[in-house]
PDB file of all heavy atoms in Angstrom:
ATOM      1  N   LEU A   1      10.688  -3.300 -22.075  1.00  0.00           N
ATOM      2  CA  LEU A   1       9.548  -2.795 -21.300  1.00  0.00           C
ATOM      3  C   LEU A   1       8.236  -3.430 -21.771  1.00  0.00           C
ATOM      4  O   LEU A   1       7.402  -3.870 -20.902  1.00  0.00           O
ATOM      5  CB  LEU A   1       9.467  -1.268 -21.364  1.00  0.00           C
ATOM      6  CG  LEU A   1       8.544  -0.609 -20.362  1.00  0.00           C
ATOM      7  CD1 LEU A   1       9.066   0.799 -20.026  1.00  0.00           C
ATOM      8  CD2 LEU A   1       7.089  -0.487 -20.914  1.00  0.00           C
ATOM      9  N   LEU A   2       8.049  -3.518 -23.090  1.00  0.00           N
ATOM     10  CA  LEU A   2       6.858  -4.171 -23.585  1.00  0.00           C
ATOM     11  C   LEU A   2       6.796  -5.648 -23.205  1.00  0.00           C
ATOM     12  O   LEU A   2       5.737  -6.194 -23.046  1.00  0.00           O
ATOM     13  CB  LEU A   2       6.769  -3.942 -25.125  1.00  0.00           C
ATOM     14  CG  LEU A   2       6.460  -2.581 -25.608  1.00  0.00           C
ATOM     15  CD1 LEU A   2       6.583  -2.468 -27.135  1.00  0.00           C
ATOM     16  CD2 LEU A   2       5.150  -2.086 -25.133  1.00  0.00           C
ATOM     17  N   HIS A   3       7.924  -6.250 -23.184  1.00  0.00           N
ATOM     18  CA  HIS A   3       8.009  -7.661 -22.780  1.00  0.00           C
ATOM     19  C   HIS A   3       7.428  -7.895 -21.375  1.00  0.00           C
ATOM     20  O   HIS A   3       6.730  -8.877 -21.125  1.00  0.00           O
ATOM     21  CB  HIS A   3       9.430  -8.171 -22.859  1.00  0.00           C
ATOM     22  CG  HIS A   3       9.641  -9.516 -22.236  1.00  0.00           C
ATOM     23  ND1 HIS A   3       9.217 -10.698 -22.837  1.00  0.00           N
ATOM     24  CD2 HIS A   3      10.221  -9.859 -21.029  1.00  0.00           C
ATOM     25  CE1 HIS A   3       9.490 -11.711 -22.076  1.00  0.00           C
ATOM     26  NE2 HIS A   3      10.109 -11.240 -20.979  1.00  0.00           N
ATOM     27  N   HIS A   4       7.706  -6.933 -20.533  1.00  0.00           N
ATOM     28  CA  HIS A   4       7.281  -7.070 -19.124  1.00  0.00           C
ATOM     29  C   HIS A   4       5.826  -6.660 -18.947  1.00  0.00           C
ATOM     30  O   HIS A   4       5.035  -7.271 -18.113  1.00  0.00           O
ATOM     31  CB  HIS A   4       8.077  -6.167 -18.140  1.00  0.00           C
ATOM     32  CG  HIS A   4       9.537  -6.755 -17.955  1.00  0.00           C
ATOM     33  ND1 HIS A   4       9.737  -7.877 -17.168  1.00  0.00           N
ATOM     34  CD2 HIS A   4      10.732  -6.367 -18.429  1.00  0.00           C
ATOM     35  CE1 HIS A   4      11.035  -8.108 -17.127  1.00  0.00           C
ATOM     36  NE2 HIS A   4      11.629  -7.189 -17.919  1.00  0.00           N
ATOM     37  N   PHE A   5       5.332  -5.691 -19.659  1.00  0.00           N
ATOM     38  CA  PHE A   5       3.995  -5.167 -19.415  1.00  0.00           C
ATOM     39  C   PHE A   5       3.003  -5.207 -20.570  1.00  0.00           C
ATOM     40  O   PHE A   5       1.838  -5.061 -20.431  1.00  0.00           O
ATOM     41  CB  PHE A   5       4.081  -3.707 -18.819  1.00  0.00           C
ATOM     42  CG  PHE A   5       4.745  -3.697 -17.505  1.00  0.00           C
ATOM     43  CD1 PHE A   5       6.092  -3.373 -17.409  1.00  0.00           C
ATOM     44  CD2 PHE A   5       4.036  -3.938 -16.390  1.00  0.00           C
ATOM     45  CE1 PHE A   5       6.710  -3.332 -16.178  1.00  0.00           C
ATOM     46  CE2 PHE A   5       4.683  -3.950 -15.092  1.00  0.00           C
ATOM     47  CZ  PHE A   5       6.021  -3.614 -15.040  1.00  0.00           C
ATOM     48  N   GLY A   6       3.501  -5.305 -21.767  1.00  0.00           N
ATOM     49  CA  GLY A   6       2.676  -5.433 -22.961  1.00  0.00           C
ATOM     50  C   GLY A   6       2.101  -4.122 -23.539  1.00  0.00           C
ATOM     51  O   GLY A   6       2.093  -4.022 -24.751  1.00  0.00           O
ATOM     52  N   SER A   7       1.713  -3.197 -22.704  1.00  0.00           N
ATOM     53  CA  SER A   7       1.149  -1.954 -23.175  1.00  0.00           C
ATOM     54  C   SER A   7       1.223  -0.901 -22.169  1.00  0.00           C
ATOM     55  O   SER A   7       1.557  -1.181 -20.958  1.00  0.00           O
ATOM     56  CB  SER A   7      -0.254  -2.115 -23.607  1.00  0.00           C
ATOM     57  OG  SER A   7      -1.097  -2.398 -22.507  1.00  0.00           O
ATOM     58  N   ARG A   8       1.109   0.394 -22.541  1.00  0.00           N
ATOM     59  CA  ARG A   8       1.069   1.487 -21.588  1.00  0.00           C
ATOM     60  C   ARG A   8      -0.038   1.295 -20.577  1.00  0.00           C
ATOM     61  O   ARG A   8       0.185   1.559 -19.371  1.00  0.00           O
ATOM     62  CB  ARG A   8       0.986   2.812 -22.340  1.00  0.00           C
ATOM     63  CG  ARG A   8       0.866   3.980 -21.387  1.00  0.00           C
ATOM     64  CD  ARG A   8       0.594   5.305 -22.184  1.00  0.00           C
ATOM     65  NE  ARG A   8       0.456   6.381 -21.198  1.00  0.00           N
ATOM     66  CZ  ARG A   8      -0.644   6.680 -20.532  1.00  0.00           C
ATOM     67  NH1 ARG A   8      -1.697   5.898 -20.694  1.00  0.00           N
ATOM     68  NH2 ARG A   8      -0.720   7.642 -19.693  1.00  0.00           N
ATOM     69  N   GLU A   9      -1.171   0.877 -21.086  1.00  0.00           N
ATOM     70  CA  GLU A   9      -2.362   0.713 -20.124  1.00  0.00           C
ATOM     71  C   GLU A   9      -2.072  -0.287 -19.058  1.00  0.00           C
ATOM     72  O   GLU A   9      -2.465  -0.145 -17.963  1.00  0.00           O
ATOM     73  CB  GLU A   9      -3.598   0.364 -20.957  1.00  0.00           C
ATOM     74  CG  GLU A   9      -4.159   1.463 -21.841  1.00  0.00           C
ATOM     75  CD  GLU A   9      -3.268   1.798 -23.039  1.00  0.00           C
ATOM     76  OE1 GLU A   9      -2.484   0.901 -23.426  1.00  0.00           O
ATOM     77  OE2 GLU A   9      -3.319   2.917 -23.571  1.00  0.00           O
ATOM     78  N   ALA A  10      -1.450  -1.366 -19.518  1.00  0.00           N
ATOM     79  CA  ALA A  10      -1.089  -2.464 -18.537  1.00  0.00           C
ATOM     80  C   ALA A  10      -0.080  -1.954 -17.538  1.00  0.00           C
ATOM     81  O   ALA A  10      -0.169  -2.332 -16.330  1.00  0.00           O
ATOM     82  CB  ALA A  10      -0.579  -3.639 -19.315  1.00  0.00           C
ATOM     83  N   LEU A  11       0.860  -1.159 -17.925  1.00  0.00           N
ATOM     84  CA  LEU A  11       1.860  -0.584 -17.037  1.00  0.00           C
ATOM     85  C   LEU A  11       1.189   0.347 -15.984  1.00  0.00           C
ATOM     86  O   LEU A  11       1.445   0.210 -14.753  1.00  0.00           O
ATOM     87  CB  LEU A  11       2.903   0.186 -17.809  1.00  0.00           C
ATOM     88  CG  LEU A  11       3.926   0.914 -16.908  1.00  0.00           C
ATOM     89  CD1 LEU A  11       4.634  -0.020 -16.000  1.00  0.00           C
ATOM     90  CD2 LEU A  11       4.964   1.654 -17.829  1.00  0.00           C
ATOM     91  N   VAL A  12       0.308   1.266 -16.452  1.00  0.00           N
ATOM     92  CA  VAL A  12      -0.352   2.181 -15.579  1.00  0.00           C
ATOM     93  C   VAL A  12      -1.176   1.411 -14.552  1.00  0.00           C
ATOM     94  O   VAL A  12      -1.225   1.678 -13.359  1.00  0.00           O
ATOM     95  CB  VAL A  12      -1.248   3.108 -16.368  1.00  0.00           C
ATOM     96  CG1 VAL A  12      -2.107   3.964 -15.383  1.00  0.00           C
ATOM     97  CG2 VAL A  12      -0.427   4.061 -17.216  1.00  0.00           C
ATOM     98  N   LYS A  13      -1.930   0.318 -15.055  1.00  0.00           N
ATOM     99  CA  LYS A  13      -2.724  -0.520 -14.136  1.00  0.00           C
ATOM    100  C   LYS A  13      -1.873  -1.167 -13.072  1.00  0.00           C
ATOM    101  O   LYS A  13      -2.162  -1.176 -11.850  1.00  0.00           O
ATOM    102  CB  LYS A  13      -3.515  -1.556 -14.917  1.00  0.00           C
ATOM    103  CG  LYS A  13      -4.377  -2.433 -14.017  1.00  0.00           C
ATOM    104  CD  LYS A  13      -5.129  -3.445 -14.919  1.00  0.00           C
ATOM    105  CE  LYS A  13      -6.039  -4.305 -14.043  1.00  0.00           C
ATOM    106  NZ  LYS A  13      -6.779  -5.345 -14.851  1.00  0.00           N
ATOM    107  N   ALA A  14      -0.720  -1.693 -13.435  1.00  0.00           N
ATOM    108  CA  ALA A  14       0.163  -2.383 -12.551  1.00  0.00           C
ATOM    109  C   ALA A  14       0.776  -1.336 -11.492  1.00  0.00           C
ATOM    110  O   ALA A  14       0.861  -1.661 -10.322  1.00  0.00           O
ATOM    111  CB  ALA A  14       1.311  -3.014 -13.265  1.00  0.00           C
ATOM    112  N   VAL A  15       1.016  -0.123 -11.904  1.00  0.00           N
ATOM    113  CA  VAL A  15       1.542   0.902 -11.037  1.00  0.00           C
ATOM    114  C   VAL A  15       0.465   1.229  -9.972  1.00  0.00           C
ATOM    115  O   VAL A  15       0.731   1.324  -8.745  1.00  0.00           O
ATOM    116  CB  VAL A  15       1.973   2.156 -11.809  1.00  0.00           C
ATOM    117  CG1 VAL A  15       2.282   3.294 -10.876  1.00  0.00           C
ATOM    118  CG2 VAL A  15       3.220   1.857 -12.631  1.00  0.00           C
ATOM    119  N   VAL A  16      -0.750   1.419 -10.470  1.00  0.00           N
ATOM    120  CA  VAL A  16      -1.850   1.783  -9.541  1.00  0.00           C
ATOM    121  C   VAL A  16      -2.080   0.702  -8.538  1.00  0.00           C
ATOM    122  O   VAL A  16      -2.248   0.953  -7.310  1.00  0.00           O
ATOM    123  CB  VAL A  16      -3.139   2.055 -10.324  1.00  0.00           C
ATOM    124  CG1 VAL A  16      -4.343   2.228  -9.388  1.00  0.00           C
ATOM    125  CG2 VAL A  16      -2.968   3.286 -11.188  1.00  0.00           C
ATOM    126  N   GLU A  17      -2.124  -0.535  -9.031  1.00  0.00           N
ATOM    127  CA  GLU A  17      -2.360  -1.720  -8.111  1.00  0.00           C
ATOM    128  C   GLU A  17      -1.264  -1.801  -7.095  1.00  0.00           C
ATOM    129  O   GLU A  17      -1.479  -2.089  -5.910  1.00  0.00           O
ATOM    130  CB  GLU A  17      -2.508  -3.017  -8.892  1.00  0.00           C
ATOM    131  CG  GLU A  17      -3.813  -3.107  -9.721  1.00  0.00           C
ATOM    132  CD  GLU A  17      -4.963  -3.037  -8.748  1.00  0.00           C
ATOM    133  OE1 GLU A  17      -5.021  -3.782  -7.689  1.00  0.00           O
ATOM    134  OE2 GLU A  17      -5.997  -2.313  -9.050  1.00  0.00           O
ATOM    135  N   ARG A  18      -0.015  -1.584  -7.456  1.00  0.00           N
ATOM    136  CA  ARG A  18       1.094  -1.704  -6.539  1.00  0.00           C
ATOM    137  C   ARG A  18       1.039  -0.497  -5.474  1.00  0.00           C
ATOM    138  O   ARG A  18       1.259  -0.773  -4.311  1.00  0.00           O
ATOM    139  CB  ARG A  18       2.424  -1.579  -7.254  1.00  0.00           C
ATOM    140  CG  ARG A  18       3.607  -1.985  -6.320  1.00  0.00           C
ATOM    141  CD  ARG A  18       4.902  -2.072  -7.014  1.00  0.00           C
ATOM    142  NE  ARG A  18       5.433  -0.770  -7.325  1.00  0.00           N
ATOM    143  CZ  ARG A  18       6.788  -0.497  -7.462  1.00  0.00           C
ATOM    144  NH1 ARG A  18       7.688  -1.515  -7.301  1.00  0.00           N
ATOM    145  NH2 ARG A  18       7.184   0.691  -7.777  1.00  0.00           N
ATOM    146  N   ALA A  19       0.650   0.668  -5.940  1.00  0.00           N
ATOM    147  CA  ALA A  19       0.545   1.790  -5.060  1.00  0.00           C
ATOM    148  C   ALA A  19      -0.535   1.536  -3.968  1.00  0.00           C
ATOM    149  O   ALA A  19      -0.394   1.767  -2.771  1.00  0.00           O
ATOM    150  CB  ALA A  19       0.274   3.103  -5.789  1.00  0.00           C
ATOM    151  N   LEU A  20      -1.668   0.983  -4.417  1.00  0.00           N
ATOM    152  CA  LEU A  20      -2.782   0.695  -3.469  1.00  0.00           C
ATOM    153  C   LEU A  20      -2.388  -0.428  -2.589  1.00  0.00           C
ATOM    154  O   LEU A  20      -2.704  -0.402  -1.325  1.00  0.00           O
ATOM    155  CB  LEU A  20      -4.024   0.269  -4.292  1.00  0.00           C
ATOM    156  CG  LEU A  20      -4.768   1.349  -5.046  1.00  0.00           C
ATOM    157  CD1 LEU A  20      -5.794   0.757  -5.963  1.00  0.00           C
ATOM    158  CD2 LEU A  20      -5.434   2.354  -4.104  1.00  0.00           C
ATOM    159  N   ALA A  21      -1.693  -1.469  -3.033  1.00  0.00           N
ATOM    160  CA  ALA A  21      -1.318  -2.562  -2.164  1.00  0.00           C
ATOM    161  C   ALA A  21      -0.276  -2.100  -1.124  1.00  0.00           C
ATOM    162  O   ALA A  21      -0.347  -2.435   0.019  1.00  0.00           O
ATOM    163  CB  ALA A  21      -0.718  -3.666  -2.991  1.00  0.00           C
ATOM    164  N   ALA A  22       0.643  -1.198  -1.512  1.00  0.00           N
ATOM    165  CA  ALA A  22       1.682  -0.641  -0.606  1.00  0.00           C
ATOM    166  C   ALA A  22       1.017   0.153   0.416  1.00  0.00           C
ATOM    167  O   ALA A  22       1.424   0.114   1.601  1.00  0.00           O
ATOM    168  CB  ALA A  22       2.719   0.127  -1.360  1.00  0.00           C
ATOM    169  N   LEU A  23       0.021   0.992   0.027  1.00  0.00           N
ATOM    170  CA  LEU A  23      -0.695   1.817   0.960  1.00  0.00           C
ATOM    171  C   LEU A  23      -1.406   0.979   1.995  1.00  0.00           C
ATOM    172  O   LEU A  23      -1.411   1.287   3.153  1.00  0.00           O
ATOM    173  CB  LEU A  23      -1.624   2.753   0.270  1.00  0.00           C
ATOM    174  CG  LEU A  23      -2.505   3.675   1.142  1.00  0.00           C
ATOM    175  CD1 LEU A  23      -1.590   4.560   2.003  1.00  0.00           C
ATOM    176  CD2 LEU A  23      -3.422   4.524   0.271  1.00  0.00           C
ATOM    177  N   GLN A  24      -2.039  -0.099   1.565  1.00  0.00           N
ATOM    178  CA  GLN A  24      -2.738  -1.014   2.451  1.00  0.00           C
ATOM    179  C   GLN A  24      -1.829  -1.596   3.443  1.00  0.00           C
ATOM    180  O   GLN A  24      -2.116  -1.665   4.674  1.00  0.00           O
ATOM    181  CB  GLN A  24      -3.435  -2.059   1.621  1.00  0.00           C
ATOM    182  CG  GLN A  24      -4.258  -3.043   2.554  1.00  0.00           C
ATOM    183  CD  GLN A  24      -4.722  -4.325   1.816  1.00  0.00           C
ATOM    184  OE1 GLN A  24      -4.075  -4.741   0.860  1.00  0.00           O
ATOM    185  NE2 GLN A  24      -5.771  -4.942   2.270  1.00  0.00           N
ATOM    186  N   VAL A  25      -0.668  -2.061   3.000  1.00  0.00           N
ATOM    187  CA  VAL A  25       0.322  -2.605   3.916  1.00  0.00           C
ATOM    188  C   VAL A  25       0.735  -1.647   4.959  1.00  0.00           C
ATOM    189  O   VAL A  25       0.782  -1.949   6.182  1.00  0.00           O
ATOM    190  CB  VAL A  25       1.562  -3.149   3.143  1.00  0.00           C
ATOM    191  CG1 VAL A  25       2.656  -3.516   4.107  1.00  0.00           C
ATOM    192  CG2 VAL A  25       1.157  -4.361   2.307  1.00  0.00           C
ATOM    193  N   ASP A  26       0.957  -0.359   4.536  1.00  0.00           N
ATOM    194  CA  ASP A  26       1.415   0.640   5.488  1.00  0.00           C
ATOM    195  C   ASP A  26       0.322   0.956   6.494  1.00  0.00           C
ATOM    196  O   ASP A  26       0.606   1.149   7.701  1.00  0.00           O
ATOM    197  CB  ASP A  26       1.778   1.961   4.721  1.00  0.00           C
ATOM    198  CG  ASP A  26       3.075   1.867   3.913  1.00  0.00           C
ATOM    199  OD1 ASP A  26       3.828   0.969   4.223  1.00  0.00           O
ATOM    200  OD2 ASP A  26       3.305   2.675   2.950  1.00  0.00           O
ATOM    201  N   VAL A  27      -0.971   0.989   6.054  1.00  0.00           N
ATOM    202  CA  VAL A  27      -2.042   1.285   6.961  1.00  0.00           C
ATOM    203  C   VAL A  27      -2.205   0.171   7.983  1.00  0.00           C
ATOM    204  O   VAL A  27      -2.383   0.399   9.160  1.00  0.00           O
ATOM    205  CB  VAL A  27      -3.334   1.546   6.175  1.00  0.00           C
ATOM    206  CG1 VAL A  27      -4.507   1.653   7.119  1.00  0.00           C
ATOM    207  CG2 VAL A  27      -3.288   2.839   5.405  1.00  0.00           C
ATOM    208  N   ILE A  28      -2.170  -1.065   7.515  1.00  0.00           N
ATOM    209  CA  ILE A  28      -2.325  -2.232   8.412  1.00  0.00           C
ATOM    210  C   ILE A  28      -1.187  -2.225   9.411  1.00  0.00           C
ATOM    211  O   ILE A  28      -1.402  -2.490  10.662  1.00  0.00           O
ATOM    212  CB  ILE A  28      -2.356  -3.514   7.592  1.00  0.00           C
ATOM    213  CG1 ILE A  28      -3.702  -3.594   6.824  1.00  0.00           C
ATOM    214  CG2 ILE A  28      -2.204  -4.720   8.515  1.00  0.00           C
ATOM    215  CD1 ILE A  28      -3.791  -4.833   5.960  1.00  0.00           C
ATOM    216  N   GLN A  29       0.035  -1.976   8.958  1.00  0.00           N
ATOM    217  CA  GLN A  29       1.145  -1.909   9.935  1.00  0.00           C
ATOM    218  C   GLN A  29       0.985  -0.837  10.958  1.00  0.00           C
ATOM    219  O   GLN A  29       1.340  -0.993  12.130  1.00  0.00           O
ATOM    220  CB  GLN A  29       2.473  -1.715   9.192  1.00  0.00           C
ATOM    221  CG  GLN A  29       2.956  -2.927   8.380  1.00  0.00           C
ATOM    222  CD  GLN A  29       4.234  -2.710   7.610  1.00  0.00           C
ATOM    223  OE1 GLN A  29       4.624  -1.550   7.409  1.00  0.00           O
ATOM    224  NE2 GLN A  29       4.840  -3.744   7.219  1.00  0.00           N
ATOM    225  N   ALA A  30       0.450   0.315  10.536  1.00  0.00           N
ATOM    226  CA  ALA A  30       0.186   1.393  11.442  1.00  0.00           C
ATOM    227  C   ALA A  30      -0.871   1.002  12.508  1.00  0.00           C
ATOM    228  O   ALA A  30      -0.711   1.274  13.707  1.00  0.00           O
ATOM    229  CB  ALA A  30      -0.311   2.634  10.691  1.00  0.00           C
ATOM    230  N   ILE A  31      -1.924   0.255  12.047  1.00  0.00           N
ATOM    231  CA  ILE A  31      -2.936  -0.189  12.972  1.00  0.00           C
ATOM    232  C   ILE A  31      -2.391  -1.158  13.959  1.00  0.00           C
ATOM    233  O   ILE A  31      -2.666  -1.111  15.147  1.00  0.00           O
ATOM    234  CB  ILE A  31      -4.188  -0.753  12.211  1.00  0.00           C
ATOM    235  CG1 ILE A  31      -4.829   0.417  11.411  1.00  0.00           C
ATOM    236  CG2 ILE A  31      -5.112  -1.404  13.130  1.00  0.00           C
ATOM    237  CD1 ILE A  31      -5.913  -0.105  10.454  1.00  0.00           C
ATOM    238  N   GLN A  32      -1.663  -2.148  13.408  1.00  0.00           N
ATOM    239  CA  GLN A  32      -1.094  -3.156  14.299  1.00  0.00           C
ATOM    240  C   GLN A  32      -0.091  -2.571  15.254  1.00  0.00           C
ATOM    241  O   GLN A  32       0.032  -2.941  16.391  1.00  0.00           O
ATOM    242  CB  GLN A  32      -0.402  -4.244  13.419  1.00  0.00           C
ATOM    243  CG  GLN A  32      -1.449  -5.063  12.639  1.00  0.00           C
ATOM    244  CD  GLN A  32      -0.738  -6.055  11.687  1.00  0.00           C
ATOM    245  OE1 GLN A  32       0.375  -5.848  11.247  1.00  0.00           O
ATOM    246  NE2 GLN A  32      -1.410  -7.162  11.463  1.00  0.00           N
ATOM    247  N   GLY A  33       0.686  -1.579  14.768  1.00  0.00           N
ATOM    248  CA  GLY A  33       1.590  -0.933  15.704  1.00  0.00           C
ATOM    249  C   GLY A  33       0.910  -0.222  16.867  1.00  0.00           C
ATOM    250  O   GLY A  33       1.403  -0.183  17.982  1.00  0.00           O
ATOM    251  N   ALA A  34      -0.263   0.381  16.597  1.00  0.00           N
ATOM    252  CA  ALA A  34      -1.004   1.062  17.629  1.00  0.00           C
ATOM    253  C   ALA A  34      -1.649   0.039  18.583  1.00  0.00           C
ATOM    254  O   ALA A  34      -1.763   0.364  19.754  1.00  0.00           O
ATOM    255  CB  ALA A  34      -2.063   1.983  17.023  1.00  0.00           C
ATOM    256  N   SER A  35      -2.039  -1.075  18.081  1.00  0.00           N
ATOM    257  CA  SER A  35      -2.696  -2.103  18.884  1.00  0.00           C
ATOM    258  C   SER A  35      -1.776  -2.947  19.680  1.00  0.00           C
ATOM    259  O   SER A  35      -2.174  -3.692  20.567  1.00  0.00           O
ATOM    260  CB  SER A  35      -3.640  -3.017  18.006  1.00  0.00           C
ATOM    261  OG  SER A  35      -2.773  -3.707  17.141  1.00  0.00           O
ATOM    262  N   ASP A  36      -0.412  -2.877  19.404  1.00  0.00           N
ATOM    263  CA  ASP A  36       0.550  -3.692  20.124  1.00  0.00           C
ATOM    264  C   ASP A  36       0.635  -3.199  21.573  1.00  0.00           C
ATOM    265  O   ASP A  36       0.867  -4.003  22.490  1.00  0.00           O
ATOM    266  CB  ASP A  36       1.841  -3.610  19.460  1.00  0.00           C
ATOM    267  CG  ASP A  36       1.942  -4.438  18.204  1.00  0.00           C
ATOM    268  OD1 ASP A  36       1.040  -5.329  17.996  1.00  0.00           O
ATOM    269  OD2 ASP A  36       2.803  -4.240  17.337  1.00  0.00           O
ATOM    270  N   GLY A  37       0.485  -1.959  21.794  1.00  0.00           N
ATOM    271  CA  GLY A  37       0.544  -1.422  23.093  1.00  0.00           C
ATOM    272  C   GLY A  37      -0.708  -0.664  23.477  1.00  0.00           C
ATOM    273  O   GLY A  37      -1.811  -0.984  23.105  1.00  0.00           O
ATOM    274  N   GLU A  38      -0.487   0.407  24.257  1.00  0.00           N
ATOM    275  CA  GLU A  38      -1.645   1.281  24.632  1.00  0.00           C
ATOM    276  C   GLU A  38      -2.199   1.918  23.352  1.00  0.00           C
ATOM    277  O   GLU A  38      -1.500   2.440  22.543  1.00  0.00           O
ATOM    278  CB  GLU A  38      -1.158   2.280  25.638  1.00  0.00           C
ATOM    279  CG  GLU A  38      -2.356   3.130  26.205  1.00  0.00           C
ATOM    280  CD  GLU A  38      -1.882   4.131  27.218  1.00  0.00           C
ATOM    281  OE1 GLU A  38      -0.668   3.934  27.724  1.00  0.00           O
ATOM    282  OE2 GLU A  38      -2.586   5.047  27.494  1.00  0.00           O
ATOM    283  N   ASP A  39      -3.542   1.898  23.242  1.00  0.00           N
ATOM    284  CA  ASP A  39      -4.204   2.515  22.124  1.00  0.00           C
ATOM    285  C   ASP A  39      -3.888   4.026  22.045  1.00  0.00           C
ATOM    286  O   ASP A  39      -4.043   4.714  22.969  1.00  0.00           O
ATOM    287  CB  ASP A  39      -5.678   2.278  22.196  1.00  0.00           C
ATOM    288  CG  ASP A  39      -6.395   2.600  20.960  1.00  0.00           C
ATOM    289  OD1 ASP A  39      -5.725   2.675  19.826  1.00  0.00           O
ATOM    290  OD2 ASP A  39      -7.611   2.790  20.948  1.00  0.00           O
ATOM    291  N   ASN A  40      -3.354   4.419  20.805  1.00  0.00           N
ATOM    292  CA  ASN A  40      -2.997   5.801  20.639  1.00  0.00           C
ATOM    293  C   ASN A  40      -3.411   6.222  19.307  1.00  0.00           C
ATOM    294  O   ASN A  40      -2.737   6.089  18.256  1.00  0.00           O
ATOM    295  CB  ASN A  40      -1.405   5.890  20.766  1.00  0.00           C
ATOM    296  CG  ASN A  40      -0.998   7.353  20.857  1.00  0.00           C
ATOM    297  OD1 ASN A  40      -1.681   8.273  20.331  1.00  0.00           O
ATOM    298  ND2 ASN A  40       0.174   7.578  21.405  1.00  0.00           N
ATOM    299  N   VAL A  41      -4.644   6.763  19.242  1.00  0.00           N
ATOM    300  CA  VAL A  41      -5.227   7.150  17.943  1.00  0.00           C
ATOM    301  C   VAL A  41      -4.444   8.257  17.286  1.00  0.00           C
ATOM    302  O   VAL A  41      -4.245   8.293  16.082  1.00  0.00           O
ATOM    303  CB  VAL A  41      -6.715   7.532  18.140  1.00  0.00           C
ATOM    304  CG1 VAL A  41      -7.270   7.980  16.817  1.00  0.00           C
ATOM    305  CG2 VAL A  41      -7.497   6.282  18.608  1.00  0.00           C
ATOM    306  N   PRO A  42      -4.025   9.331  18.041  1.00  0.00           N
ATOM    307  CA  PRO A  42      -3.262  10.353  17.323  1.00  0.00           C
ATOM    308  C   PRO A  42      -1.964   9.808  16.632  1.00  0.00           C
ATOM    309  O   PRO A  42      -1.690  10.164  15.500  1.00  0.00           O
ATOM    310  CB  PRO A  42      -2.866  11.288  18.519  1.00  0.00           C
ATOM    311  CG  PRO A  42      -3.891  11.111  19.525  1.00  0.00           C
ATOM    312  CD  PRO A  42      -4.277   9.683  19.467  1.00  0.00           C
ATOM    313  N   ALA A  43      -1.268   8.925  17.316  1.00  0.00           N
ATOM    314  CA  ALA A  43      -0.093   8.323  16.695  1.00  0.00           C
ATOM    315  C   ALA A  43      -0.486   7.484  15.481  1.00  0.00           C
ATOM    316  O   ALA A  43       0.267   7.459  14.477  1.00  0.00           O
ATOM    317  CB  ALA A  43       0.735   7.485  17.728  1.00  0.00           C
ATOM    318  N   LEU A  44      -1.637   6.816  15.549  1.00  0.00           N
ATOM    319  CA  LEU A  44      -2.075   5.975  14.455  1.00  0.00           C
ATOM    320  C   LEU A  44      -2.404   6.879  13.229  1.00  0.00           C
ATOM    321  O   LEU A  44      -1.970   6.531  12.140  1.00  0.00           O
ATOM    322  CB  LEU A  44      -3.338   5.251  14.844  1.00  0.00           C
ATOM    323  CG  LEU A  44      -4.054   4.476  13.745  1.00  0.00           C
ATOM    324  CD1 LEU A  44      -3.187   3.438  13.179  1.00  0.00           C
ATOM    325  CD2 LEU A  44      -5.363   3.843  14.280  1.00  0.00           C
ATOM    326  N   LEU A  45      -3.085   8.036  13.445  1.00  0.00           N
ATOM    327  CA  LEU A  45      -3.349   8.939  12.339  1.00  0.00           C
ATOM    328  C   LEU A  45      -2.068   9.459  11.750  1.00  0.00           C
ATOM    329  O   LEU A  45      -1.953   9.707  10.519  1.00  0.00           O
ATOM    330  CB  LEU A  45      -4.274  10.035  12.798  1.00  0.00           C
ATOM    331  CG  LEU A  45      -5.625   9.622  13.273  1.00  0.00           C
ATOM    332  CD1 LEU A  45      -6.520  10.891  13.530  1.00  0.00           C
ATOM    333  CD2 LEU A  45      -6.359   8.744  12.275  1.00  0.00           C
TER     334      LEU A  45
END
């Protein structure tokens, strides 16, 4: 584990960054999904 991340702090930082990046991808996909057809804000939310 230390070989991959070096320290606990580095692991926590990597987890947070991955969670934020995954959330961004999900939000962008939601927006693009709503814009592909008729605009539907309730479905987007």
